[in-house]
C-alpha atoms as a PDB file:
ATOM      1  CA  MET A   1      -0.053   0.076  -0.367  1.00  0.00           C
ATOM      2  CA  GLY A   2       0.978   3.480  -0.349  1.00  0.00           C
ATOM      3  CA  SER A   3      -0.909   6.389  -0.340  1.00  0.00           C
ATOM      4  CA  PHE A   4      -3.326   8.554  -2.221  1.00  0.00           C
ATOM      5  CA  ARG A   5      -5.769  11.092  -2.569  1.00  0.00           C
ATOM      6  CA  PHE A   6      -9.213  11.080  -2.809  1.00  0.00           C
ATOM      7  CA  VAL A   7     -11.780  13.589  -2.648  1.00  0.00           C
ATOM      8  CA  PHE A   8     -15.866  13.194  -0.537  1.00  0.00           C
ATOM      9  CA  LEU A   9     -18.399  15.255  -1.365  1.00  0.00           C
ATOM     10  CA  ALA A  10     -21.760  15.005  -0.912  1.00  0.00           C
ATOM     11  CA  ASP A  11     -25.729  16.729  -1.371  1.00  0.00           C
ATOM     12  CA  THR A  12     -24.666  18.780  -3.699  1.00  0.00           C
ATOM     13  CA  GLN A  13     -28.970  18.594  -4.441  1.00  0.00           C
ATOM     14  CA  LEU A  14     -29.421  20.701  -7.837  1.00  0.00           C
ATOM     15  CA  GLY A  15     -32.725  22.402  -6.936  1.00  0.00           C
ATOM     16  CA  CYS A  16     -32.721  22.467  -3.317  1.00  0.00           C
ATOM     17  CA  TYR A  17     -32.224  26.293  -2.748  1.00  0.00           C
ATOM     18  CA  ALA A  18     -35.370  26.654  -4.595  1.00  0.00           C
ATOM     19  CA  THR A  19     -37.220  24.103  -2.539  1.00  0.00           C
ATOM     20  CA  PHE A  20     -35.915  26.206   0.964  1.00  0.00           C
ATOM     21  CA  SER A  21     -36.302  29.644  -0.464  1.00  0.00           C
ATOM     22  CA  GLY A  22     -39.896  31.919  -0.173  1.00  0.00           C
ATOM     23  CA  PHE A  23     -40.335  30.974   3.268  1.00  0.00           C
ATOM     24  CA  ASP A  24     -41.919  33.033   5.944  1.00  0.00           C
ATOM     25  CA  GLN A  25     -40.566  33.358   9.690  1.00  0.00           C
ATOM     26  CA  GLU A  26     -43.337  31.354  11.260  1.00  0.00           C
ATOM     27  CA  ARG A  27     -41.654  27.998   8.499  1.00  0.00           C
ATOM     28  CA  VAL A  28     -37.754  28.890   9.708  1.00  0.00           C
ATOM     29  CA  ARG A  29     -39.215  28.605  12.936  1.00  0.00           C
ATOM     30  CA  ALA A  30     -41.256  25.006  12.181  1.00  0.00           C
ATOM     31  CA  TYR A  31     -37.640  24.153  10.708  1.00  0.00           C
ATOM     32  CA  ALA A  32     -35.562  25.648  13.380  1.00  0.00           C
ATOM     33  CA  ALA A  33     -37.673  23.442  15.808  1.00  0.00           C
ATOM     34  CA  MET A  34     -36.505  20.414  13.395  1.00  0.00           C
ATOM     35  CA  GLY A  35     -33.025  21.676  13.793  1.00  0.00           C
ATOM     36  CA  MET A  36     -31.978  22.910  10.319  1.00  0.00           C
ATOM     37  CA  LYS A  37     -31.154  25.960  10.450  1.00  0.00           C
ATOM     38  CA  VAL A  38     -32.938  27.369   7.154  1.00  0.00           C
ATOM     39  CA  ALA A  39     -32.272  31.020   5.973  1.00  0.00           C
ATOM     40  CA  MET A  40     -35.155  33.264   4.810  1.00  0.00           C
ATOM     41  CA  VAL A  41     -34.487  34.192   1.160  1.00  0.00           C
ATOM     42  CA  PRO A  42     -36.464  35.455  -1.443  1.00  0.00           C
ATOM     43  CA  GLU A  43     -37.982  32.493  -3.272  1.00  0.00           C
ATOM     44  CA  VAL A  44     -36.433  31.422  -6.661  1.00  0.00           C
ATOM     45  CA  THR A  45     -37.040  28.759  -9.119  1.00  0.00           C
ATOM     46  CA  GLY A  46     -34.520  25.873 -11.142  1.00  0.00           C
ATOM     47  CA  PHE A  47     -31.222  25.286 -10.002  1.00  0.00           C
ATOM     48  CA  GLU A  48     -28.609  27.776 -10.756  1.00  0.00           C
ATOM     49  CA  TRP A  49     -28.009  28.242  -6.753  1.00  0.00           C
ATOM     50  CA  ASP A  50     -26.597  24.620  -6.558  1.00  0.00           C
ATOM     51  CA  ALA A  51     -24.820  24.183  -9.849  1.00  0.00           C
ATOM     52  CA  ALA A  52     -22.638  27.018  -9.167  1.00  0.00           C
ATOM     53  CA  HIS A  53     -22.195  25.707  -5.932  1.00  0.00           C
ATOM     54  CA  TYR A  54     -21.011  22.338  -7.999  1.00  0.00           C
ATOM     55  CA  ARG A  55     -19.665  23.760 -10.590  1.00  0.00           C
ATOM     56  CA  ARG A  56     -16.930  25.803  -7.758  1.00  0.00           C
ATOM     57  CA  ALA A  57     -16.549  21.834  -6.064  1.00  0.00           C
ATOM     58  CA  VAL A  58     -15.435  20.999  -9.890  1.00  0.00           C
ATOM     59  CA  ALA A  59     -12.917  23.633 -10.217  1.00  0.00           C
ATOM     60  CA  GLU A  60     -11.559  23.348  -6.953  1.00  0.00           C
ATOM     61  CA  ILE A  61     -11.200  18.863  -7.724  1.00  0.00           C
ATOM     62  CA  ASN A  62      -9.139  19.642 -10.799  1.00  0.00           C
ATOM     63  CA  THR A  63      -7.278  22.287  -9.129  1.00  0.00           C
ATOM     64  CA  ILE A  64      -6.706  19.377  -6.285  1.00  0.00           C
ATOM     65  CA  LYS A  65      -6.375  16.601  -8.215  1.00  0.00           C
ATOM     66  CA  PRO A  66      -7.283  13.536  -6.474  1.00  0.00           C
ATOM     67  CA  ALA A  67      -6.912   9.449  -7.356  1.00  0.00           C
ATOM     68  CA  PHE A  68     -10.953  10.062  -7.554  1.00  0.00           C
ATOM     69  CA  VAL A  69     -13.751  11.603  -6.488  1.00  0.00           C
ATOM     70  CA  MET A  70     -16.388  10.220  -4.643  1.00  0.00           C
ATOM     71  CA  ILE A  71     -19.928  11.485  -4.447  1.00  0.00           C
ATOM     72  CA  GLY A  72     -22.198  10.331  -1.882  1.00  0.00           C
ATOM     73  CA  GLY A  73     -25.686  10.489  -2.807  1.00  0.00           C
ATOM     74  CA  ASP A  74     -28.495  13.245  -3.218  1.00  0.00           C
ATOM     75  CA  MET A  75     -27.020  14.686  -6.404  1.00  0.00           C
ATOM     76  CA  ILE A  76     -30.070  15.992  -7.079  1.00  0.00           C
ATOM     77  CA  ASP A  77     -33.403  16.950  -5.276  1.00  0.00           C
ATOM     78  CA  ASP A  78     -35.577  15.501  -7.711  1.00  0.00           C
ATOM     79  CA  PRO A  79     -35.771  12.975  -9.378  1.00  0.00           C
ATOM     80  CA  ASN A  80     -38.756  13.336 -11.154  1.00  0.00           C
ATOM     81  CA  VAL A  81     -37.124  16.194 -12.389  1.00  0.00           C
ATOM     82  CA  GLU A  82     -34.763  15.492 -15.550  1.00  0.00           C
ATOM     83  CA  ASP A  83     -33.572  18.890 -16.183  1.00  0.00           C
ATOM     84  CA  GLN A  84     -31.381  18.494 -12.797  1.00  0.00           C
ATOM     85  CA  THR A  85     -30.343  15.082 -13.788  1.00  0.00           C
ATOM     86  CA  ASP A  86     -28.991  16.527 -17.056  1.00  0.00           C
ATOM     87  CA  GLU A  87     -27.595  19.183 -15.492  1.00  0.00           C
ATOM     88  CA  PHE A  88     -25.749  17.637 -12.607  1.00  0.00           C
ATOM     89  CA  PHE A  89     -24.577  15.180 -15.985  1.00  0.00           C
ATOM     90  CA  ARG A  90     -23.059  18.654 -17.628  1.00  0.00           C
ATOM     91  CA  ILE A  91     -20.783  19.963 -14.529  1.00  0.00           C
ATOM     92  CA  THR A  92     -20.004  16.047 -13.844  1.00  0.00           C
ATOM     93  CA  GLY A  93     -18.147  16.051 -17.299  1.00  0.00           C
ATOM     94  CA  MET A  94     -16.268  18.986 -16.313  1.00  0.00           C
ATOM     95  CA  ILE A  95     -14.305  17.525 -13.964  1.00  0.00           C
ATOM     96  CA  ASP A  96     -10.979  16.221 -15.526  1.00  0.00           C
ATOM     97  CA  PRO A  97     -11.816  12.721 -17.364  1.00  0.00           C
ATOM     98  CA  ASP A  98      -8.510  11.651 -15.734  1.00  0.00           C
ATOM     99  CA  ILE A  99     -10.253  11.415 -12.010  1.00  0.00           C
ATOM    100  CA  PRO A 100     -12.638   8.489 -11.677  1.00  0.00           C
ATOM    101  CA  VAL A 101     -15.738   9.479 -10.159  1.00  0.00           C
ATOM    102  CA  ARG A 102     -17.927   7.649  -8.253  1.00  0.00           C
ATOM    103  CA  PHE A 103     -21.831   7.883  -6.745  1.00  0.00           C
ATOM    104  CA  ALA A 104     -23.707   6.116  -3.937  1.00  0.00           C
ATOM    105  CA  PRO A 105     -27.582   6.602  -4.048  1.00  0.00           C
ATOM    106  CA  GLY A 106     -29.034   9.220  -1.628  1.00  0.00           C
ATOM    107  CA  ASN A 107     -32.727   8.993  -0.725  1.00  0.00           C
ATOM    108  CA  HIS A 108     -33.046  12.190  -3.146  1.00  0.00           C
ATOM    109  CA  ASP A 109     -31.726  10.052  -5.983  1.00  0.00           C
ATOM    110  CA  ILE A 110     -33.553   6.777  -5.680  1.00  0.00           C
ATOM    111  CA  ALA A 111     -36.699   7.573  -4.059  1.00  0.00           C
ATOM    112  CA  PHE A 112     -39.442   8.981  -6.212  1.00  0.00           C
ATOM    113  CA  ASP A 113     -41.147  10.508  -3.157  1.00  0.00           C
ATOM    114  CA  SER A 114     -37.530  11.620  -1.915  1.00  0.00           C
ATOM    115  CA  ALA A 115     -37.788   9.006   1.166  1.00  0.00           C
ATOM    116  CA  ASN A 116     -38.881   5.576  -0.051  1.00  0.00           C
ATOM    117  CA  PRO A 117     -37.475   3.605  -2.716  1.00  0.00           C
ATOM    118  CA  THR A 118     -39.497   0.958  -4.767  1.00  0.00           C
ATOM    119  CA  ALA A 119     -38.413  -1.548  -6.912  1.00  0.00           C
ATOM    120  CA  ASP A 120     -39.266   0.674 -10.421  1.00  0.00           C
ATOM    121  CA  SER A 121     -37.056   3.950  -8.188  1.00  0.00           C
ATOM    122  CA  ILE A 122     -34.129   1.246  -7.921  1.00  0.00           C
ATOM    123  CA  ARG A 123     -34.271   0.340 -11.435  1.00  0.00           C
ATOM    124  CA  ARG A 124     -34.472   4.104 -12.880  1.00  0.00           C
ATOM    125  CA  TYR A 125     -31.151   4.816 -10.372  1.00  0.00           C
ATOM    126  CA  ARG A 126     -29.419   2.006 -12.134  1.00  0.00           C
ATOM    127  CA  ASP A 127     -30.013   2.939 -15.484  1.00  0.00           C
ATOM    128  CA  VAL A 128     -29.432   6.390 -15.111  1.00  0.00           C
ATOM    129  CA  PHE A 129     -26.439   5.834 -12.561  1.00  0.00           C
ATOM    130  CA  GLY A 130     -25.116   2.872 -12.303  1.00  0.00           C
ATOM    131  CA  PRO A 131     -25.085   0.280  -9.586  1.00  0.00           C
ATOM    132  CA  ASP A 132     -26.827   1.201  -6.064  1.00  0.00           C
ATOM    133  CA  HIS A 133     -24.107  -0.624  -3.784  1.00  0.00           C
ATOM    134  CA  TYR A 134     -20.906  -1.668  -4.925  1.00  0.00           C
ATOM    135  CA  SER A 135     -17.051  -2.461  -3.622  1.00  0.00           C
ATOM    136  CA  PHE A 136     -13.868  -1.497  -5.183  1.00  0.00           C
ATOM    137  CA  ARG A 137     -10.033  -1.411  -4.748  1.00  0.00           C
ATOM    138  CA  HIS A 138      -7.295   1.647  -4.876  1.00  0.00           C
ATOM    139  CA  ASP A 139      -3.746   0.736  -3.539  1.00  0.00           C
ATOM    140  CA  GLY A 140      -4.768  -2.138  -1.073  1.00  0.00           C
ATOM    141  CA  VAL A 141      -8.170  -0.449  -0.205  1.00  0.00           C
ATOM    142  CA  VAL A 142     -11.247  -1.750  -0.484  1.00  0.00           C
ATOM    143  CA  PHE A 143     -14.047   0.688  -0.717  1.00  0.00           C
ATOM    144  CA  VAL A 144     -17.707  -0.949   0.081  1.00  0.00           C
ATOM    145  CA  VAL A 145     -20.471   1.567  -1.240  1.00  0.00           C
ATOM    146  CA  MET A 146     -23.890   1.347   0.558  1.00  0.00           C
ATOM    147  CA  ASN A 147     -27.473   1.842  -0.440  1.00  0.00           C
ATOM    148  CA  THR A 148     -28.591   3.405   2.338  1.00  0.00           C
ATOM    149  CA  THR A 149     -31.911   4.021   1.673  1.00  0.00           C
ATOM    150  CA  VAL A 150     -32.686   0.729   1.395  1.00  0.00           C
ATOM    151  CA  ILE A 151     -31.483  -0.011   4.782  1.00  0.00           C
ATOM    152  CA  ASP A 152     -33.399   3.617   5.836  1.00  0.00           C
ATOM    153  CA  ARG A 153     -36.866   2.072   4.728  1.00  0.00           C
ATOM    154  CA  PRO A 154     -36.545  -1.143   3.412  1.00  0.00           C
ATOM    155  CA  ASP A 155     -40.833  -1.661   3.681  1.00  0.00           C
ATOM    156  CA  GLU A 156     -41.503  -1.600   0.050  1.00  0.00           C
ATOM    157  CA  VAL A 157     -37.976  -3.515  -0.614  1.00  0.00           C
ATOM    158  CA  PRO A 158     -37.431  -6.301   1.340  1.00  0.00           C
ATOM    159  CA  ARG A 159     -35.692  -8.254  -0.323  1.00  0.00           C
ATOM    160  CA  GLU A 160     -33.186  -5.362  -2.170  1.00  0.00           C
ATOM    161  CA  TYR A 161     -32.367  -5.074   1.810  1.00  0.00           C
ATOM    162  CA  GLU A 162     -31.365  -8.595   2.527  1.00  0.00           C
ATOM    163  CA  THR A 163     -29.106  -8.542  -0.939  1.00  0.00           C
ATOM    164  CA  GLN A 164     -27.678  -5.264   0.774  1.00  0.00           C
ATOM    165  CA  ILE A 165     -27.087  -7.055   4.398  1.00  0.00           C
ATOM    166  CA  GLY A 166     -25.920 -10.224   2.061  1.00  0.00           C
ATOM    167  CA  PHE A 167     -23.055  -8.071   0.227  1.00  0.00           C
ATOM    168  CA  LEU A 168     -22.656  -6.257   3.146  1.00  0.00           C
ATOM    169  CA  THR A 169     -21.411  -9.518   5.540  1.00  0.00           C
ATOM    170  CA  ASP A 170     -19.815 -10.828   2.490  1.00  0.00           C
ATOM    171  CA  GLU A 171     -17.554  -7.828   1.378  1.00  0.00           C
ATOM    172  CA  LEU A 172     -16.204  -6.959   4.337  1.00  0.00           C
ATOM    173  CA  GLU A 173     -15.556 -10.837   5.720  1.00  0.00           C
ATOM    174  CA  THR A 174     -13.843 -11.379   2.226  1.00  0.00           C
ATOM    175  CA  ALA A 175     -11.558  -8.068   2.985  1.00  0.00           C
ATOM    176  CA  ARG A 176     -10.790  -8.748   6.321  1.00  0.00           C
ATOM    177  CA  ARG A 177      -9.963 -12.424   5.355  1.00  0.00           C
ATOM    178  CA  LEU A 178      -8.090 -11.616   2.493  1.00  0.00           C
ATOM    179  CA  GLY A 179      -6.052  -8.908   5.167  1.00  0.00           C
ATOM    180  CA  ALA A 180      -7.000  -5.230   3.154  1.00  0.00           C
ATOM    181  CA  ALA A 181      -4.876  -2.457   3.752  1.00  0.00           C
ATOM    182  CA  GLU A 182      -8.598  -0.180   5.218  1.00  0.00           C
ATOM    183  CA  VAL A 183     -11.762  -1.271   4.312  1.00  0.00           C
ATOM    184  CA  VAL A 184     -13.602   2.457   3.909  1.00  0.00           C
ATOM    185  CA  LEU A 185     -17.240   2.293   3.967  1.00  0.00           C
ATOM    186  CA  VAL A 186     -19.480   4.848   2.011  1.00  0.00           C
ATOM    187  CA  GLY A 187     -23.019   5.525   1.845  1.00  0.00           C
ATOM    188  CA  HIS A 188     -25.469   8.506   2.156  1.00  0.00           C
ATOM    189  CA  HIS A 189     -27.277   8.782   5.412  1.00  0.00           C
ATOM    190  CA  PRO A 190     -25.070   8.230   8.295  1.00  0.00           C
ATOM    191  CA  LEU A 191     -25.268   5.011  10.751  1.00  0.00           C
ATOM    192  CA  PHE A 192     -24.638   7.792  13.582  1.00  0.00           C
ATOM    193  CA  VAL A 193     -24.373  11.571  14.276  1.00  0.00           C
ATOM    194  CA  VAL A 194     -23.447  11.483  17.707  1.00  0.00           C
ATOM    195  CA  ALA A 195     -23.613   8.168  19.337  1.00  0.00           C
ATOM    196  CA  ALA A 196     -24.185   4.875  18.031  1.00  0.00           C
ATOM    197  CA  ASP A 197     -26.995   4.357  20.559  1.00  0.00           C
ATOM    198  CA  GLU A 198     -28.528   7.643  19.634  1.00  0.00           C
ATOM    199  CA  PRO A 199     -32.290   7.554  19.144  1.00  0.00           C
ATOM    200  CA  ASP A 200     -33.608   7.426  15.608  1.00  0.00           C
ATOM    201  CA  THR A 201     -34.234  10.389  13.550  1.00  0.00           C
ATOM    202  CA  TYR A 202     -34.475  11.392   9.879  1.00  0.00           C
ATOM    203  CA  TRP A 203     -30.743  11.721  10.154  1.00  0.00           C
ATOM    204  CA  ASN A 204     -29.890   8.964  10.877  1.00  0.00           C
ATOM    205  CA  LEU A 205     -30.239   4.729  10.606  1.00  0.00           C
ATOM    206  CA  PRO A 206     -33.399   3.346  12.319  1.00  0.00           C
ATOM    207  CA  LEU A 207     -31.643   1.622  15.510  1.00  0.00           C
ATOM    208  CA  GLU A 208     -32.859  -1.949  14.447  1.00  0.00           C
ATOM    209  CA  ARG A 209     -30.903  -2.552  11.801  1.00  0.00           C
ATOM    210  CA  ARG A 210     -27.523   0.126  12.625  1.00  0.00           C
ATOM    211  CA  GLN A 211     -26.807  -2.182  15.279  1.00  0.00           C
ATOM    212  CA  PRO A 212     -26.082  -5.163  12.784  1.00  0.00           C
ATOM    213  CA  ILE A 213     -24.231  -3.368  10.909  1.00  0.00           C
ATOM    214  CA  LEU A 214     -21.995  -2.270  13.512  1.00  0.00           C
ATOM    215  CA  ASP A 215     -21.679  -5.312  14.529  1.00  0.00           C
ATOM    216  CA  LEU A 216     -20.113  -6.301  11.310  1.00  0.00           C
ATOM    217  CA  ILE A 217     -18.090  -2.960  11.486  1.00  0.00           C
ATOM    218  CA  HIS A 218     -16.723  -4.228  14.784  1.00  0.00           C
ATOM    219  CA  ALA A 219     -16.099  -8.491  13.780  1.00  0.00           C
ATOM    220  CA  ASN A 220     -13.948  -7.416  10.373  1.00  0.00           C
ATOM    221  CA  GLY A 221     -11.973  -4.229  11.907  1.00  0.00           C
ATOM    222  CA  VAL A 222     -13.730  -1.574   9.457  1.00  0.00           C
ATOM    223  CA  ARG A 223     -12.242   1.516  11.625  1.00  0.00           C
ATOM    224  CA  ILE A 224     -13.980   4.183   8.977  1.00  0.00           C
ATOM    225  CA  GLY A 225     -16.904   5.596   7.247  1.00  0.00           C
ATOM    226  CA  PHE A 226     -18.026   8.899   5.062  1.00  0.00           C
ATOM    227  CA  ALA A 227     -21.649   9.952   4.791  1.00  0.00           C
ATOM    228  CA  GLY A 228     -23.402  13.027   3.881  1.00  0.00           C
ATOM    229  CA  HIS A 229     -27.787  13.786   4.038  1.00  0.00           C
ATOM    230  CA  TRP A 230     -26.899  16.223   7.489  1.00  0.00           C
ATOM    231  CA  HIS A 231     -25.745  18.839   5.529  1.00  0.00           C
ATOM    232  CA  ARG A 232     -23.632  19.574   7.701  1.00  0.00           C
ATOM    233  CA  ASN A 233     -20.590  18.121   9.903  1.00  0.00           C
ATOM    234  CA  SER A 234     -19.873  15.494  12.479  1.00  0.00           C
ATOM    235  CA  VAL A 235     -17.043  13.206  13.417  1.00  0.00           C
ATOM    236  CA  ALA A 236     -18.728  10.507  15.895  1.00  0.00           C
ATOM    237  CA  VAL A 237     -17.000   7.346  17.212  1.00  0.00           C
ATOM    238  CA  ASP A 238     -18.028   3.634  18.206  1.00  0.00           C
ATOM    239  CA  ARG A 239     -15.072   2.191  19.348  1.00  0.00           C
ATOM    240  CA  ASP A 240     -12.459   1.620  16.953  1.00  0.00           C
ATOM    241  CA  TYR A 241     -14.826   2.780  14.101  1.00  0.00           C
ATOM    242  CA  THR A 242     -15.348   6.494  13.215  1.00  0.00           C
ATOM    243  CA  GLN A 243     -18.340   7.531  11.295  1.00  0.00           C
ATOM    244  CA  VAL A 244     -17.417  11.057   9.128  1.00  0.00           C
ATOM    245  CA  THR A 245     -20.441  12.914   7.995  1.00  0.00           C
ATOM    246  CA  SER A 246     -19.494  15.603   5.541  1.00  0.00           C
ATOM    247  CA  GLY A 247     -21.428  18.481   5.172  1.00  0.00           C
ATOM    248  CA  PRO A 248     -22.702  19.838   1.578  1.00  0.00           C
ATOM    249  CA  VAL A 249     -21.802  21.582  -1.507  1.00  0.00           C
ATOM    250  CA  GLY A 250     -25.067  22.745  -1.936  1.00  0.00           C
ATOM    251  CA  VAL A 251     -27.449  24.290   1.101  1.00  0.00           C
ATOM    252  CA  PRO A 252     -26.283  24.287   4.735  1.00  0.00           C
ATOM    253  CA  LEU A 253     -29.041  23.476   7.051  1.00  0.00           C
ATOM    254  CA  GLY A 254     -26.458  24.322  10.205  1.00  0.00           C
ATOM    255  CA  ASP A 255     -23.677  26.128  10.657  1.00  0.00           C
ATOM    256  CA  ASP A 256     -21.389  24.420   8.385  1.00  0.00           C
ATOM    257  CA  PRO A 257     -20.349  26.195   5.195  1.00  0.00           C
ATOM    258  CA  SER A 258     -20.860  24.024   1.948  1.00  0.00           C
ATOM    259  CA  GLY A 259     -17.460  22.155   1.039  1.00  0.00           C
ATOM    260  CA  LEU A 260     -16.128  19.191   0.129  1.00  0.00           C
ATOM    261  CA  ARG A 261     -13.598  17.301   2.131  1.00  0.00           C
ATOM    262  CA  VAL A 262     -10.221  16.180   1.252  1.00  0.00           C
ATOM    263  CA  VAL A 263      -9.035  11.832   1.996  1.00  0.00           C
ATOM    264  CA  ASP A 264      -5.506  11.177   2.156  1.00  0.00           C
ATOM    265  CA  VAL A 265      -4.796   7.253   2.855  1.00  0.00           C
ATOM    266  CA  ASP A 266      -1.539   6.497   3.458  1.00  0.00           C
ATOM    267  CA  ARG A 267      -0.114   3.527   5.825  1.00  0.00           C
ATOM    268  CA  SER A 268      -0.533   5.335   8.852  1.00  0.00           C
ATOM    269  CA  GLY A 269      -4.448   5.146   8.599  1.00  0.00           C
ATOM    270  CA  VAL A 270      -6.685   7.827   6.847  1.00  0.00           C
ATOM    271  CA  HIS A 271      -6.564  11.592   7.095  1.00  0.00           C
ATOM    272  CA  HIS A 272      -9.369  14.136   5.768  1.00  0.00           C
ATOM    273  CA  ARG A 273     -10.074  17.521   5.994  1.00  0.00           C
ATOM    274  CA  TYR A 274     -13.440  20.006   5.126  1.00  0.00           C
ATOM    275  CA  ARG A 275     -12.418  22.100   2.950  1.00  0.00           C
ATOM    276  CA  PRO A 276     -15.575  24.825   2.485  1.00  0.00           C
ATOM    277  CA  LEU A 277     -16.117  26.245  -1.007  1.00  0.00           C
ATOM    278  CA  GLU A 278     -14.262  29.622  -1.840  1.00  0.00           C
ATOM    279  CA  GLY A 279     -16.597  32.498  -1.993  1.00  0.00           C
END
């Protein structure tokens, strides 16, 4: 194993700014009561605000020149709006062609209602973005990419959930058996934001499905995972496992600015820092 750098980013979410625009004070207070810091801005339509932030992130990526880019979900705000998807891929195409780009599905990408995946919505995601769960290797490090929306809301796709857990079990056990230098988990939803036993919220995975995954993680020596979804930054630890939740390229919902995460991997481990977007 040598050393390499990759960039993790999440929640480009083209169209999100418009969704949160035009709120009155009462609605802003209602979101604040749910733990979301929403600005009171004039109502807009379209996705230019979000697209401008993604273009800025792409410019940063081309300056950093990482080994690859991992986009951790919520690429778009509404999978039913083709213009958002088209613009997302147009901007993604501005990344240096020598830099591979990989995707992990977010709830806004893989569920027609942005919450509950179905067989049809998963099929559409695969047609547009590619596999929804997979693994890849880079310089001795195994990356395991999960479809956390299926883990979060499996009711309509129980077989997909079973497949996902079987995949995760096989990948982690194989990586341990073959002596992978490091295993990095990637998914849109964080397993937890503050503590492994925290109550269920919109922002984490339900404890009844979180705990079996944590058991797999600890049994197989996984030390780190990256997620988005929260639109804020958090680094939380459970025993030897660190859950990194990264702020958004697009609309922040807390005090952290829009940004991306630069990750360096070497023999000493996985090191990361959040890099706010300029301007």
